[in-house]
């Protein structure tokens, strides 16, 4: 049985950067390699009460909620991961929050919040 997200969603591009490292010779941080994923996603506008759950400094930014059966990454210092970036409507959106839902086998999915970072210094 196909997931509703796989049935109703569209394929989008997501940029993922590998962990970087400090170059001890030059003293400069070398960013990790950039790769792309093409997951099937369902993207919807956020409701006003959902926007209130975002970090305060992100609440004024345009935001969407994203549903996927593919796990996307947020910044995690311990795991040395950086935030995945969704390409949506030709613009870059930072993945912020993750909720994992696994109540029923055919409904297992992730719910994310994403904020537009193009034009915001991103």
N, C-alpha and C. Protein backbone atom coordinates (compact mmCIF):
# COMPACT_ATOMS: atom_id res chain seq x y z
N UNK A 1 0.85 -1.17 0.00
CA UNK A 1 0.00 0.00 0.00
C UNK A 1 0.90 1.24 0.00
N UNK A 2 0.63 2.14 -0.91
CA UNK A 2 1.41 3.36 -1.04
C UNK A 2 0.97 4.38 0.02
N UNK A 3 1.92 5.13 0.52
CA UNK A 3 1.62 6.18 1.49
C UNK A 3 0.86 7.31 0.82
N UNK A 4 -0.06 7.97 1.56
CA UNK A 4 -0.76 9.12 0.98
C UNK A 4 0.20 10.22 0.51
N UNK A 5 1.31 10.37 1.20
CA UNK A 5 2.29 11.39 0.80
C UNK A 5 2.89 11.02 -0.56
N UNK A 6 3.23 9.76 -0.74
CA UNK A 6 3.79 9.31 -2.02
C UNK A 6 2.76 9.45 -3.13
N UNK A 7 1.48 9.24 -2.81
CA UNK A 7 0.42 9.32 -3.81
C UNK A 7 0.06 10.76 -4.18
N UNK A 8 0.03 11.65 -3.19
CA UNK A 8 -0.44 13.02 -3.39
C UNK A 8 0.67 14.05 -3.58
N UNK A 9 1.88 13.69 -3.17
CA UNK A 9 2.98 14.65 -3.18
C UNK A 9 3.61 14.87 -4.55
N UNK A 10 4.56 15.78 -4.55
CA UNK A 10 5.36 16.07 -5.74
C UNK A 10 6.83 15.91 -5.39
N UNK A 11 7.64 15.69 -6.39
CA UNK A 11 9.08 15.54 -6.19
C UNK A 11 9.71 16.94 -6.13
N UNK A 12 10.52 17.17 -5.11
CA UNK A 12 11.23 18.43 -4.94
C UNK A 12 12.71 18.14 -4.77
N UNK A 13 13.52 19.17 -4.94
CA UNK A 13 14.96 19.05 -4.72
C UNK A 13 15.28 19.54 -3.32
N UNK A 14 16.13 18.78 -2.62
CA UNK A 14 16.62 19.15 -1.30
C UNK A 14 18.14 19.09 -1.35
N UNK A 15 18.77 20.18 -0.90
CA UNK A 15 20.23 20.23 -0.83
C UNK A 15 20.68 19.75 0.54
N UNK A 16 21.72 18.92 0.56
CA UNK A 16 22.28 18.42 1.82
C UNK A 16 23.79 18.60 1.77
N UNK A 17 24.32 19.20 2.81
CA UNK A 17 25.76 19.43 2.89
C UNK A 17 26.37 18.47 3.91
N UNK A 18 27.43 17.78 3.50
CA UNK A 18 28.17 16.89 4.42
C UNK A 18 28.87 17.73 5.47
N UNK A 19 29.24 17.10 6.56
CA UNK A 19 29.95 17.81 7.63
C UNK A 19 31.24 18.41 7.09
N UNK A 20 31.54 19.62 7.49
CA UNK A 20 32.79 20.28 7.09
C UNK A 20 33.86 20.06 8.14
N UNK A 21 35.00 20.70 7.92
CA UNK A 21 36.10 20.57 8.89
C UNK A 21 37.02 21.79 8.79
N UNK A 22 37.76 22.01 9.86
CA UNK A 22 38.73 23.11 9.87
C UNK A 22 40.00 22.67 9.16
N UNK A 23 40.46 23.50 8.26
CA UNK A 23 41.72 23.27 7.57
C UNK A 23 42.82 23.81 8.47
N UNK A 24 43.62 22.91 9.03
CA UNK A 24 44.64 23.34 9.99
C UNK A 24 45.80 24.09 9.33
N UNK A 25 45.94 23.97 8.03
CA UNK A 25 47.00 24.68 7.31
C UNK A 25 46.60 26.14 7.07
N UNK A 26 45.38 26.33 6.58
CA UNK A 26 44.94 27.69 6.24
C UNK A 26 44.16 28.36 7.37
N UNK A 27 43.67 27.57 8.33
CA UNK A 27 42.88 28.13 9.42
C UNK A 27 41.48 28.52 8.99
N UNK A 28 41.04 27.98 7.85
CA UNK A 28 39.72 28.31 7.31
C UNK A 28 38.84 27.06 7.40
N UNK A 29 37.54 27.29 7.65
CA UNK A 29 36.60 26.18 7.69
C UNK A 29 36.25 25.77 6.27
N UNK A 30 36.44 24.51 5.95
CA UNK A 30 36.08 23.97 4.64
C UNK A 30 34.70 23.34 4.73
N UNK A 31 33.75 23.88 3.95
CA UNK A 31 32.40 23.32 3.94
C UNK A 31 32.44 21.92 3.36
N UNK A 32 31.53 21.07 3.82
CA UNK A 32 31.42 19.73 3.28
C UNK A 32 30.83 19.75 1.89
N UNK A 33 30.91 18.63 1.21
CA UNK A 33 30.39 18.51 -0.15
C UNK A 33 28.87 18.65 -0.16
N UNK A 34 28.37 19.25 -1.23
CA UNK A 34 26.93 19.44 -1.39
C UNK A 34 26.37 18.32 -2.26
N UNK A 35 25.29 17.71 -1.78
CA UNK A 35 24.61 16.69 -2.58
C UNK A 35 23.13 17.05 -2.65
N UNK A 36 22.40 16.39 -3.53
CA UNK A 36 20.97 16.67 -3.64
C UNK A 36 20.16 15.39 -3.50
N UNK A 37 18.98 15.55 -2.93
CA UNK A 37 18.00 14.47 -2.82
C UNK A 37 16.77 14.91 -3.61
N UNK A 38 15.94 13.97 -3.99
CA UNK A 38 14.70 14.31 -4.69
C UNK A 38 13.53 13.56 -4.04
N UNK A 39 13.19 13.93 -2.80
CA UNK A 39 12.09 13.24 -2.14
C UNK A 39 10.73 13.72 -2.63
N UNK A 40 9.73 12.90 -2.41
CA UNK A 40 8.34 13.28 -2.67
C UNK A 40 7.82 13.96 -1.41
N UNK A 41 7.30 15.17 -1.56
CA UNK A 41 6.85 15.97 -0.42
C UNK A 41 5.45 16.51 -0.65
N UNK A 42 4.76 16.75 0.45
CA UNK A 42 3.52 17.52 0.43
C UNK A 42 3.83 18.79 1.21
N UNK A 43 3.60 19.95 0.58
CA UNK A 43 3.92 21.24 1.20
C UNK A 43 2.63 22.04 1.33
N UNK A 44 2.41 22.57 2.54
CA UNK A 44 1.21 23.35 2.83
C UNK A 44 1.59 24.60 3.62
N UNK A 45 0.76 25.65 3.54
CA UNK A 45 1.02 26.83 4.36
C UNK A 45 0.82 26.50 5.83
N UNK A 46 1.51 27.22 6.69
CA UNK A 46 1.35 27.02 8.12
C UNK A 46 0.18 27.85 8.63
N UNK A 47 -0.53 27.32 9.60
CA UNK A 47 -1.60 28.05 10.26
C UNK A 47 -0.97 29.02 11.25
N UNK A 48 -1.66 30.11 11.59
CA UNK A 48 -1.09 31.08 12.54
C UNK A 48 -0.65 30.46 13.87
N UNK A 49 -1.42 29.50 14.39
CA UNK A 49 -1.01 28.88 15.65
C UNK A 49 0.22 28.00 15.49
N UNK A 50 0.48 27.47 14.30
CA UNK A 50 1.69 26.68 14.05
C UNK A 50 2.91 27.59 13.96
N UNK A 51 2.73 28.78 13.40
CA UNK A 51 3.84 29.74 13.30
C UNK A 51 4.35 30.08 14.69
N UNK A 52 3.47 30.12 15.68
CA UNK A 52 3.88 30.44 17.05
C UNK A 52 4.82 29.40 17.65
N UNK A 53 4.86 28.21 17.08
CA UNK A 53 5.77 27.16 17.55
C UNK A 53 7.19 27.31 17.01
N UNK A 54 7.36 28.20 16.03
CA UNK A 54 8.70 28.44 15.47
C UNK A 54 9.54 29.24 16.46
N UNK A 55 10.87 29.16 16.35
CA UNK A 55 11.71 30.04 17.17
C UNK A 55 11.31 31.49 16.93
N UNK A 56 11.34 32.28 17.98
CA UNK A 56 10.81 33.64 17.91
C UNK A 56 11.38 34.46 16.76
N UNK A 57 12.68 34.35 16.51
CA UNK A 57 13.31 35.14 15.45
C UNK A 57 12.94 34.67 14.05
N UNK A 58 12.20 33.56 13.94
CA UNK A 58 11.78 33.03 12.62
C UNK A 58 10.30 33.25 12.34
N UNK A 59 9.55 33.74 13.30
CA UNK A 59 8.09 33.84 13.15
C UNK A 59 7.65 34.84 12.10
N UNK A 60 8.47 35.82 11.78
CA UNK A 60 8.10 36.81 10.77
C UNK A 60 8.48 36.39 9.37
N UNK A 61 9.20 35.28 9.25
CA UNK A 61 9.63 34.79 7.96
C UNK A 61 8.51 33.95 7.34
N UNK A 62 8.46 33.94 6.02
CA UNK A 62 7.47 33.09 5.35
C UNK A 62 7.78 31.64 5.68
N UNK A 63 6.75 30.88 6.02
CA UNK A 63 6.97 29.50 6.47
C UNK A 63 5.95 28.56 5.86
N UNK A 64 6.34 27.30 5.78
CA UNK A 64 5.46 26.23 5.28
C UNK A 64 5.66 25.01 6.15
N UNK A 65 4.70 24.09 6.07
CA UNK A 65 4.88 22.78 6.69
C UNK A 65 5.09 21.77 5.57
N UNK A 66 5.93 20.80 5.84
CA UNK A 66 6.36 19.84 4.84
C UNK A 66 6.15 18.43 5.39
N UNK A 67 5.50 17.59 4.62
CA UNK A 67 5.29 16.19 4.99
C UNK A 67 6.09 15.31 4.04
N UNK A 68 6.75 14.29 4.61
CA UNK A 68 7.59 13.42 3.79
C UNK A 68 7.74 12.06 4.45
N UNK A 69 7.96 11.03 3.65
CA UNK A 69 8.35 9.74 4.21
C UNK A 69 9.87 9.63 4.26
N UNK A 70 10.55 10.61 3.68
CA UNK A 70 12.02 10.69 3.70
C UNK A 70 12.46 11.55 4.86
N UNK A 71 13.43 11.08 5.62
CA UNK A 71 13.95 11.88 6.73
C UNK A 71 14.86 12.98 6.20
N UNK A 72 14.54 14.21 6.55
CA UNK A 72 15.38 15.36 6.23
C UNK A 72 16.14 15.74 7.50
N UNK A 73 17.20 16.52 7.35
CA UNK A 73 18.07 16.83 8.49
C UNK A 73 17.95 18.28 8.93
N UNK A 74 18.12 18.49 10.22
CA UNK A 74 18.28 19.82 10.78
C UNK A 74 19.67 19.87 11.40
N UNK A 75 20.11 21.07 11.76
CA UNK A 75 21.43 21.20 12.35
C UNK A 75 21.49 20.45 13.68
N UNK A 76 22.50 19.63 13.81
CA UNK A 76 22.72 18.87 15.03
C UNK A 76 24.22 18.80 15.27
N UNK A 77 24.68 19.57 16.24
CA UNK A 77 26.13 19.65 16.49
C UNK A 77 26.71 18.29 16.86
N UNK A 78 26.01 17.53 17.69
CA UNK A 78 26.51 16.23 18.12
C UNK A 78 26.63 15.26 16.95
N UNK A 79 25.61 15.24 16.09
CA UNK A 79 25.62 14.35 14.93
C UNK A 79 26.42 14.94 13.76
N UNK A 80 26.85 16.18 13.90
CA UNK A 80 27.60 16.91 12.87
C UNK A 80 26.84 16.99 11.56
N UNK A 81 25.55 17.31 11.66
CA UNK A 81 24.75 17.52 10.46
C UNK A 81 24.35 18.98 10.36
N UNK A 82 24.18 19.44 9.14
CA UNK A 82 23.68 20.79 8.92
C UNK A 82 22.29 20.69 8.31
N UNK A 83 21.58 21.77 8.38
CA UNK A 83 20.20 21.81 7.93
C UNK A 83 20.08 21.56 6.44
N UNK A 84 19.15 20.68 6.08
CA UNK A 84 18.82 20.50 4.67
C UNK A 84 18.10 21.75 4.17
N UNK A 85 18.24 22.02 2.89
CA UNK A 85 17.61 23.19 2.28
C UNK A 85 16.70 22.70 1.15
N UNK A 86 15.43 23.04 1.27
CA UNK A 86 14.42 22.68 0.29
C UNK A 86 14.37 23.75 -0.80
N UNK A 87 14.32 23.33 -2.05
CA UNK A 87 14.10 24.25 -3.16
C UNK A 87 12.61 24.18 -3.50
N UNK A 88 11.91 25.29 -3.22
CA UNK A 88 10.46 25.34 -3.40
C UNK A 88 10.10 26.68 -4.02
N UNK A 89 9.37 26.65 -5.11
CA UNK A 89 9.00 27.85 -5.87
C UNK A 89 10.24 28.62 -6.30
N UNK A 90 11.31 27.90 -6.59
CA UNK A 90 12.55 28.52 -7.06
C UNK A 90 13.36 29.20 -5.96
N UNK A 91 12.94 29.05 -4.71
CA UNK A 91 13.63 29.70 -3.58
C UNK A 91 14.11 28.65 -2.60
N UNK A 92 15.00 29.08 -1.71
CA UNK A 92 15.59 28.18 -0.71
C UNK A 92 14.84 28.31 0.62
N UNK A 93 14.52 27.16 1.22
CA UNK A 93 13.79 27.10 2.48
C UNK A 93 14.56 26.21 3.45
N UNK A 94 14.82 26.70 4.64
CA UNK A 94 15.57 25.97 5.66
C UNK A 94 14.63 25.06 6.46
N UNK A 95 15.00 23.79 6.58
CA UNK A 95 14.23 22.84 7.39
C UNK A 95 14.56 23.11 8.86
N UNK A 96 13.51 23.36 9.66
CA UNK A 96 13.72 23.75 11.06
C UNK A 96 13.36 22.70 12.08
N UNK A 97 12.20 22.14 11.98
CA UNK A 97 11.71 21.26 13.04
C UNK A 97 11.29 19.93 12.46
N UNK A 98 11.37 18.92 13.30
CA UNK A 98 11.00 17.59 12.85
C UNK A 98 9.99 16.98 13.82
N UNK A 99 8.96 16.39 13.27
CA UNK A 99 8.05 15.56 14.04
C UNK A 99 7.94 14.23 13.33
N UNK A 100 8.09 13.14 14.04
CA UNK A 100 8.05 11.81 13.43
C UNK A 100 6.75 11.14 13.84
N UNK A 101 5.96 10.75 12.86
CA UNK A 101 4.68 10.10 13.12
C UNK A 101 4.74 8.67 12.62
N UNK A 102 4.47 7.72 13.49
CA UNK A 102 4.51 6.32 13.06
C UNK A 102 3.36 5.52 13.67
N UNK A 103 2.18 6.12 13.70
CA UNK A 103 1.02 5.48 14.31
C UNK A 103 0.53 4.26 13.55
N UNK A 104 0.53 4.33 12.26
CA UNK A 104 0.06 3.21 11.44
C UNK A 104 1.08 2.98 10.32
N UNK A 105 1.29 1.73 9.94
CA UNK A 105 2.32 1.43 8.93
C UNK A 105 2.20 2.25 7.65
N UNK A 106 0.99 2.47 7.15
CA UNK A 106 0.83 3.20 5.90
C UNK A 106 0.83 4.71 6.09
N UNK A 107 0.87 5.18 7.34
CA UNK A 107 0.89 6.62 7.61
C UNK A 107 2.21 7.11 8.20
N UNK A 108 3.21 6.25 8.29
CA UNK A 108 4.49 6.68 8.85
C UNK A 108 5.05 7.82 8.02
N UNK A 109 5.39 8.92 8.67
CA UNK A 109 5.92 10.07 7.95
C UNK A 109 6.59 11.04 8.91
N UNK A 110 7.24 12.03 8.33
CA UNK A 110 7.86 13.12 9.07
C UNK A 110 7.12 14.40 8.73
N UNK A 111 6.99 15.28 9.72
CA UNK A 111 6.41 16.60 9.50
C UNK A 111 7.48 17.62 9.88
N UNK A 112 7.73 18.55 8.98
CA UNK A 112 8.76 19.56 9.18
C UNK A 112 8.16 20.95 9.10
N UNK A 113 8.83 21.91 9.70
CA UNK A 113 8.57 23.32 9.46
C UNK A 113 9.76 23.82 8.65
N UNK A 114 9.49 24.68 7.68
CA UNK A 114 10.56 25.24 6.86
C UNK A 114 10.30 26.73 6.71
N UNK A 115 11.38 27.52 6.73
CA UNK A 115 11.26 28.97 6.54
C UNK A 115 12.08 29.38 5.32
N UNK A 116 11.54 30.38 4.61
CA UNK A 116 12.21 30.88 3.40
C UNK A 116 13.47 31.62 3.82
N UNK A 117 14.60 31.26 3.23
CA UNK A 117 15.85 31.94 3.57
C UNK A 117 16.39 32.77 2.41
N UNK A 118 15.89 32.62 1.19
CA UNK A 118 16.30 33.50 0.11
C UNK A 118 15.85 34.90 0.43
N UNK A 119 16.73 35.86 0.29
CA UNK A 119 16.39 37.24 0.60
C UNK A 119 16.47 37.55 2.08
N UNK A 120 16.88 36.56 2.88
CA UNK A 120 16.98 36.76 4.33
C UNK A 120 18.43 36.60 4.79
N UNK A 121 19.37 36.74 3.88
CA UNK A 121 20.77 36.58 4.25
C UNK A 121 21.21 35.15 4.26
N UNK A 122 20.37 34.21 3.73
CA UNK A 122 20.69 32.78 3.73
C UNK A 122 21.44 32.42 2.54
